[in-house]
Amino acid sequence: MESQAIIERLNGKICQLIALYESSERERVRLGNLVVEYEEQLTLNTNKISELEKQIETLQLIEAFREGESGELAKKRVSELIREIDKCIALLNG
């Protein structure tokens, strides 16, 4: 009789462990899906930031030419852009 009670308790504990495992597995899958979703959102946000930074640079350049302050700001910005282009060309040729 006592061995039957031990077996029933073990069976109950095994069922609990299986239920905990299944619950943990569902949670792991859910969290994995969240990670993928957040990574996609991060990529979208990073791309949007890059686009906005390019727009800011363009607007700053336009504003520099519009200001007419002896063109120093515009010349500086054009020089920076030329250096960037030269670096890109060097990387492509390298």
N, C-alpha and C. Protein backbone atom coordinates (compact mmCIF):
# COMPACT_ATOMS: atom_id res chain seq x y z
N MET A 1 0.82 -1.19 0.00
CA MET A 1 0.00 0.00 0.00
C MET A 1 0.86 1.26 0.00
N GLU A 2 1.91 1.24 0.78
CA GLU A 2 2.78 2.40 0.87
C GLU A 2 3.52 2.65 -0.45
N SER A 3 3.92 1.61 -1.15
CA SER A 3 4.61 1.78 -2.43
C SER A 3 3.65 2.39 -3.48
N GLN A 4 2.39 2.04 -3.40
CA GLN A 4 1.41 2.61 -4.32
C GLN A 4 1.27 4.12 -4.09
N ALA A 5 1.30 4.55 -2.83
CA ALA A 5 1.21 5.98 -2.50
C ALA A 5 2.44 6.72 -3.01
N ILE A 6 3.60 6.09 -2.87
CA ILE A 6 4.85 6.70 -3.36
C ILE A 6 4.78 6.86 -4.87
N ILE A 7 4.30 5.84 -5.56
CA ILE A 7 4.19 5.90 -7.01
C ILE A 7 3.22 6.99 -7.44
N GLU A 8 2.11 7.12 -6.74
CA GLU A 8 1.14 8.16 -7.07
C GLU A 8 1.71 9.56 -6.84
N ARG A 9 2.47 9.73 -5.76
CA ARG A 9 3.10 11.03 -5.49
C ARG A 9 4.13 11.35 -6.56
N LEU A 10 4.93 10.34 -6.94
CA LEU A 10 5.92 10.54 -7.99
C LEU A 10 5.23 10.89 -9.31
N ASN A 11 4.16 10.19 -9.59
CA ASN A 11 3.40 10.45 -10.82
C ASN A 11 2.86 11.89 -10.81
N GLY A 12 2.35 12.31 -9.68
CA GLY A 12 1.85 13.69 -9.54
C GLY A 12 2.96 14.71 -9.74
N LYS A 13 4.12 14.44 -9.16
CA LYS A 13 5.25 15.37 -9.30
C LYS A 13 5.76 15.40 -10.74
N ILE A 14 5.75 14.24 -11.40
CA ILE A 14 6.17 14.19 -12.80
C ILE A 14 5.20 15.00 -13.66
N CYS A 15 3.91 14.89 -13.38
CA CYS A 15 2.91 15.68 -14.12
C CYS A 15 3.13 17.17 -13.90
N GLN A 16 3.46 17.55 -12.66
CA GLN A 16 3.74 18.96 -12.37
C GLN A 16 4.97 19.44 -13.14
N LEU A 17 6.02 18.60 -13.16
CA LEU A 17 7.23 18.97 -13.89
C LEU A 17 6.95 19.12 -15.38
N ILE A 18 6.17 18.22 -15.94
CA ILE A 18 5.83 18.31 -17.35
C ILE A 18 5.04 19.60 -17.63
N ALA A 19 4.10 19.91 -16.74
CA ALA A 19 3.32 21.14 -16.91
C ALA A 19 4.22 22.38 -16.82
N LEU A 20 5.16 22.37 -15.88
CA LEU A 20 6.10 23.49 -15.75
C LEU A 20 6.99 23.60 -16.99
N TYR A 21 7.44 22.46 -17.49
CA TYR A 21 8.27 22.46 -18.70
C TYR A 21 7.50 23.04 -19.88
N GLU A 22 6.27 22.59 -20.07
CA GLU A 22 5.46 23.08 -21.19
C GLU A 22 5.19 24.57 -21.07
N SER A 23 4.93 25.01 -19.85
CA SER A 23 4.70 26.44 -19.61
C SER A 23 5.97 27.24 -19.92
N SER A 24 7.10 26.73 -19.48
CA SER A 24 8.38 27.39 -19.73
C SER A 24 8.68 27.43 -21.22
N GLU A 25 8.37 26.36 -21.92
CA GLU A 25 8.61 26.29 -23.36
C GLU A 25 7.74 27.31 -24.10
N ARG A 26 6.48 27.44 -23.71
CA ARG A 26 5.60 28.45 -24.32
C ARG A 26 6.13 29.86 -24.07
N GLU A 27 6.60 30.09 -22.86
CA GLU A 27 7.15 31.40 -22.51
C GLU A 27 8.42 31.68 -23.32
N ARG A 28 9.26 30.67 -23.50
CA ARG A 28 10.49 30.83 -24.28
C ARG A 28 10.16 31.20 -25.73
N VAL A 29 9.17 30.52 -26.30
CA VAL A 29 8.76 30.81 -27.68
C VAL A 29 8.20 32.23 -27.77
N ARG A 30 7.38 32.61 -26.81
CA ARG A 30 6.79 33.96 -26.79
C ARG A 30 7.89 35.02 -26.71
N LEU A 31 8.86 34.79 -25.83
CA LEU A 31 9.94 35.76 -25.68
C LEU A 31 10.83 35.79 -26.93
N GLY A 32 11.03 34.65 -27.55
CA GLY A 32 11.79 34.61 -28.79
C GLY A 32 11.11 35.42 -29.88
N ASN A 33 9.79 35.30 -29.95
CA ASN A 33 9.03 36.09 -30.92
C ASN A 33 9.13 37.58 -30.63
N LEU A 34 9.12 37.94 -29.35
CA LEU A 34 9.27 39.34 -28.97
C LEU A 34 10.64 39.88 -29.38
N VAL A 35 11.67 39.06 -29.19
CA VAL A 35 13.02 39.48 -29.57
C VAL A 35 13.07 39.76 -31.06
N VAL A 36 12.50 38.87 -31.86
CA VAL A 36 12.50 39.06 -33.31
C VAL A 36 11.74 40.34 -33.67
N GLU A 37 10.60 40.55 -33.03
CA GLU A 37 9.79 41.74 -33.30
C GLU A 37 10.56 43.01 -32.93
N TYR A 38 11.23 43.00 -31.78
CA TYR A 38 11.98 44.18 -31.35
C TYR A 38 13.20 44.41 -32.23
N GLU A 39 13.83 43.35 -32.70
CA GLU A 39 14.97 43.51 -33.60
C GLU A 39 14.52 44.14 -34.92
N GLU A 40 13.37 43.72 -35.42
CA GLU A 40 12.83 44.30 -36.65
C GLU A 40 12.51 45.78 -36.44
N GLN A 41 11.92 46.09 -35.30
CA GLN A 41 11.58 47.48 -35.00
C GLN A 41 12.85 48.32 -34.85
N LEU A 42 13.88 47.75 -34.24
CA LEU A 42 15.15 48.45 -34.10
C LEU A 42 15.75 48.75 -35.46
N THR A 43 15.69 47.78 -36.37
CA THR A 43 16.21 47.99 -37.72
C THR A 43 15.45 49.11 -38.42
N LEU A 44 14.12 49.08 -38.31
CA LEU A 44 13.31 50.14 -38.92
C LEU A 44 13.66 51.50 -38.34
N ASN A 45 13.80 51.56 -37.02
CA ASN A 45 14.10 52.84 -36.36
C ASN A 45 15.50 53.33 -36.74
N THR A 46 16.46 52.40 -36.83
CA THR A 46 17.82 52.77 -37.21
C THR A 46 17.83 53.34 -38.62
N ASN A 47 17.09 52.69 -39.53
CA ASN A 47 17.01 53.20 -40.91
C ASN A 47 16.35 54.57 -40.95
N LYS A 48 15.31 54.75 -40.16
CA LYS A 48 14.61 56.03 -40.12
C LYS A 48 15.54 57.13 -39.59
N ILE A 49 16.32 56.79 -38.57
CA ILE A 49 17.27 57.76 -38.01
C ILE A 49 18.28 58.16 -39.08
N SER A 50 18.79 57.19 -39.82
CA SER A 50 19.75 57.49 -40.89
C SER A 50 19.15 58.42 -41.94
N GLU A 51 17.92 58.13 -42.33
CA GLU A 51 17.23 58.98 -43.31
C GLU A 51 17.07 60.40 -42.77
N LEU A 52 16.67 60.51 -41.52
CA LEU A 52 16.46 61.84 -40.94
C LEU A 52 17.78 62.59 -40.79
N GLU A 53 18.85 61.87 -40.45
CA GLU A 53 20.16 62.53 -40.36
C GLU A 53 20.59 63.07 -41.72
N LYS A 54 20.32 62.30 -42.78
CA LYS A 54 20.65 62.77 -44.13
C LYS A 54 19.83 64.01 -44.48
N GLN A 55 18.56 63.99 -44.10
CA GLN A 55 17.71 65.15 -44.35
C GLN A 55 18.22 66.38 -43.60
N ILE A 56 18.65 66.17 -42.37
CA ILE A 56 19.18 67.29 -41.57
C ILE A 56 20.42 67.86 -42.25
N GLU A 57 21.32 66.97 -42.70
CA GLU A 57 22.53 67.45 -43.38
C GLU A 57 22.17 68.24 -44.63
N THR A 58 21.23 67.74 -45.39
CA THR A 58 20.80 68.43 -46.61
C THR A 58 20.22 69.79 -46.27
N LEU A 59 19.37 69.84 -45.27
CA LEU A 59 18.76 71.11 -44.88
C LEU A 59 19.80 72.09 -44.35
N GLN A 60 20.79 71.57 -43.60
CA GLN A 60 21.84 72.44 -43.10
C GLN A 60 22.67 73.02 -44.25
N LEU A 61 22.92 72.18 -45.26
CA LEU A 61 23.67 72.66 -46.42
C LEU A 61 22.88 73.71 -47.18
N ILE A 62 21.60 73.45 -47.36
CA ILE A 62 20.74 74.42 -48.04
C ILE A 62 20.72 75.74 -47.26
N GLU A 63 20.59 75.63 -45.96
CA GLU A 63 20.54 76.82 -45.11
C GLU A 63 21.87 77.58 -45.17
N ALA A 64 22.97 76.84 -45.22
CA ALA A 64 24.28 77.48 -45.28
C ALA A 64 24.42 78.30 -46.56
N PHE A 65 23.94 77.77 -47.67
CA PHE A 65 24.02 78.51 -48.93
C PHE A 65 23.03 79.68 -48.94
N ARG A 66 21.94 79.51 -48.25
CA ARG A 66 20.91 80.55 -48.23
C ARG A 66 21.33 81.72 -47.35
N GLU A 67 22.08 81.46 -46.30
CA GLU A 67 22.42 82.51 -45.35
C GLU A 67 23.30 83.59 -45.96
N GLY A 68 24.18 83.20 -46.86
CA GLY A 68 25.03 84.19 -47.51
C GLY A 68 26.08 84.80 -46.60
N GLU A 69 26.44 84.13 -45.54
CA GLU A 69 27.46 84.65 -44.62
C GLU A 69 28.85 84.40 -45.19
N SER A 70 29.15 85.02 -46.26
CA SER A 70 30.42 84.92 -46.97
C SER A 70 30.74 83.47 -47.33
N GLY A 71 29.77 82.64 -47.24
CA GLY A 71 29.92 81.27 -47.71
C GLY A 71 30.85 80.39 -46.90
N GLU A 72 31.35 80.84 -45.77
CA GLU A 72 32.30 80.04 -44.98
C GLU A 72 31.68 78.73 -44.50
N LEU A 73 30.48 78.80 -43.99
CA LEU A 73 29.80 77.59 -43.51
C LEU A 73 29.55 76.64 -44.67
N ALA A 74 29.14 77.19 -45.80
CA ALA A 74 28.88 76.36 -46.98
C ALA A 74 30.16 75.72 -47.48
N LYS A 75 31.24 76.51 -47.53
CA LYS A 75 32.52 75.96 -47.98
C LYS A 75 33.00 74.84 -47.05
N LYS A 76 32.82 75.05 -45.77
CA LYS A 76 33.24 74.04 -44.79
C LYS A 76 32.45 72.75 -45.00
N ARG A 77 31.16 72.88 -45.17
CA ARG A 77 30.30 71.70 -45.35
C ARG A 77 30.62 70.98 -46.66
N VAL A 78 30.84 71.73 -47.73
CA VAL A 78 31.19 71.13 -49.01
C VAL A 78 32.52 70.39 -48.89
N SER A 79 33.47 70.97 -48.18
CA SER A 79 34.76 70.31 -47.97
C SER A 79 34.59 69.01 -47.20
N GLU A 80 33.73 69.02 -46.19
CA GLU A 80 33.46 67.80 -45.43
C GLU A 80 32.85 66.72 -46.32
N LEU A 81 31.91 67.13 -47.16
CA LEU A 81 31.28 66.17 -48.07
C LEU A 81 32.28 65.61 -49.07
N ILE A 82 33.17 66.45 -49.57
CA ILE A 82 34.18 65.98 -50.52
C ILE A 82 35.11 64.98 -49.85
N ARG A 83 35.50 65.26 -48.59
CA ARG A 83 36.34 64.30 -47.86
C ARG A 83 35.63 62.97 -47.68
N GLU A 84 34.33 63.02 -47.36
CA GLU A 84 33.55 61.78 -47.21
C GLU A 84 33.50 61.01 -48.52
N ILE A 85 33.28 61.71 -49.62
CA ILE A 85 33.23 61.08 -50.94
C ILE A 85 34.59 60.45 -51.26
N ASP A 86 35.68 61.18 -50.97
CA ASP A 86 37.02 60.65 -51.21
C ASP A 86 37.27 59.38 -50.41
N LYS A 87 36.82 59.36 -49.17
CA LYS A 87 36.97 58.15 -48.34
C LYS A 87 36.21 56.98 -48.95
N CYS A 88 35.00 57.24 -49.42
CA CYS A 88 34.18 56.18 -50.04
C CYS A 88 34.86 55.65 -51.30
N ILE A 89 35.38 56.54 -52.10
CA ILE A 89 36.07 56.13 -53.33
C ILE A 89 37.29 55.29 -52.98
N ALA A 90 38.04 55.73 -51.96
CA ALA A 90 39.22 54.98 -51.56
C ALA A 90 38.84 53.57 -51.08
N LEU A 91 37.75 53.46 -50.35
CA LEU A 91 37.30 52.16 -49.87
C LEU A 91 36.88 51.28 -51.04
N LEU A 92 36.22 51.86 -52.04
CA LEU A 92 35.80 51.09 -53.20
C LEU A 92 36.99 50.63 -54.04
N ASN A 93 38.02 51.46 -54.11
CA ASN A 93 39.21 51.11 -54.88
C ASN A 93 40.14 50.16 -54.13
N GLY A 94 40.04 50.22 -52.79
CA GLY A 94 40.94 49.43 -51.94
C GLY A 94 40.65 48.00 -52.02
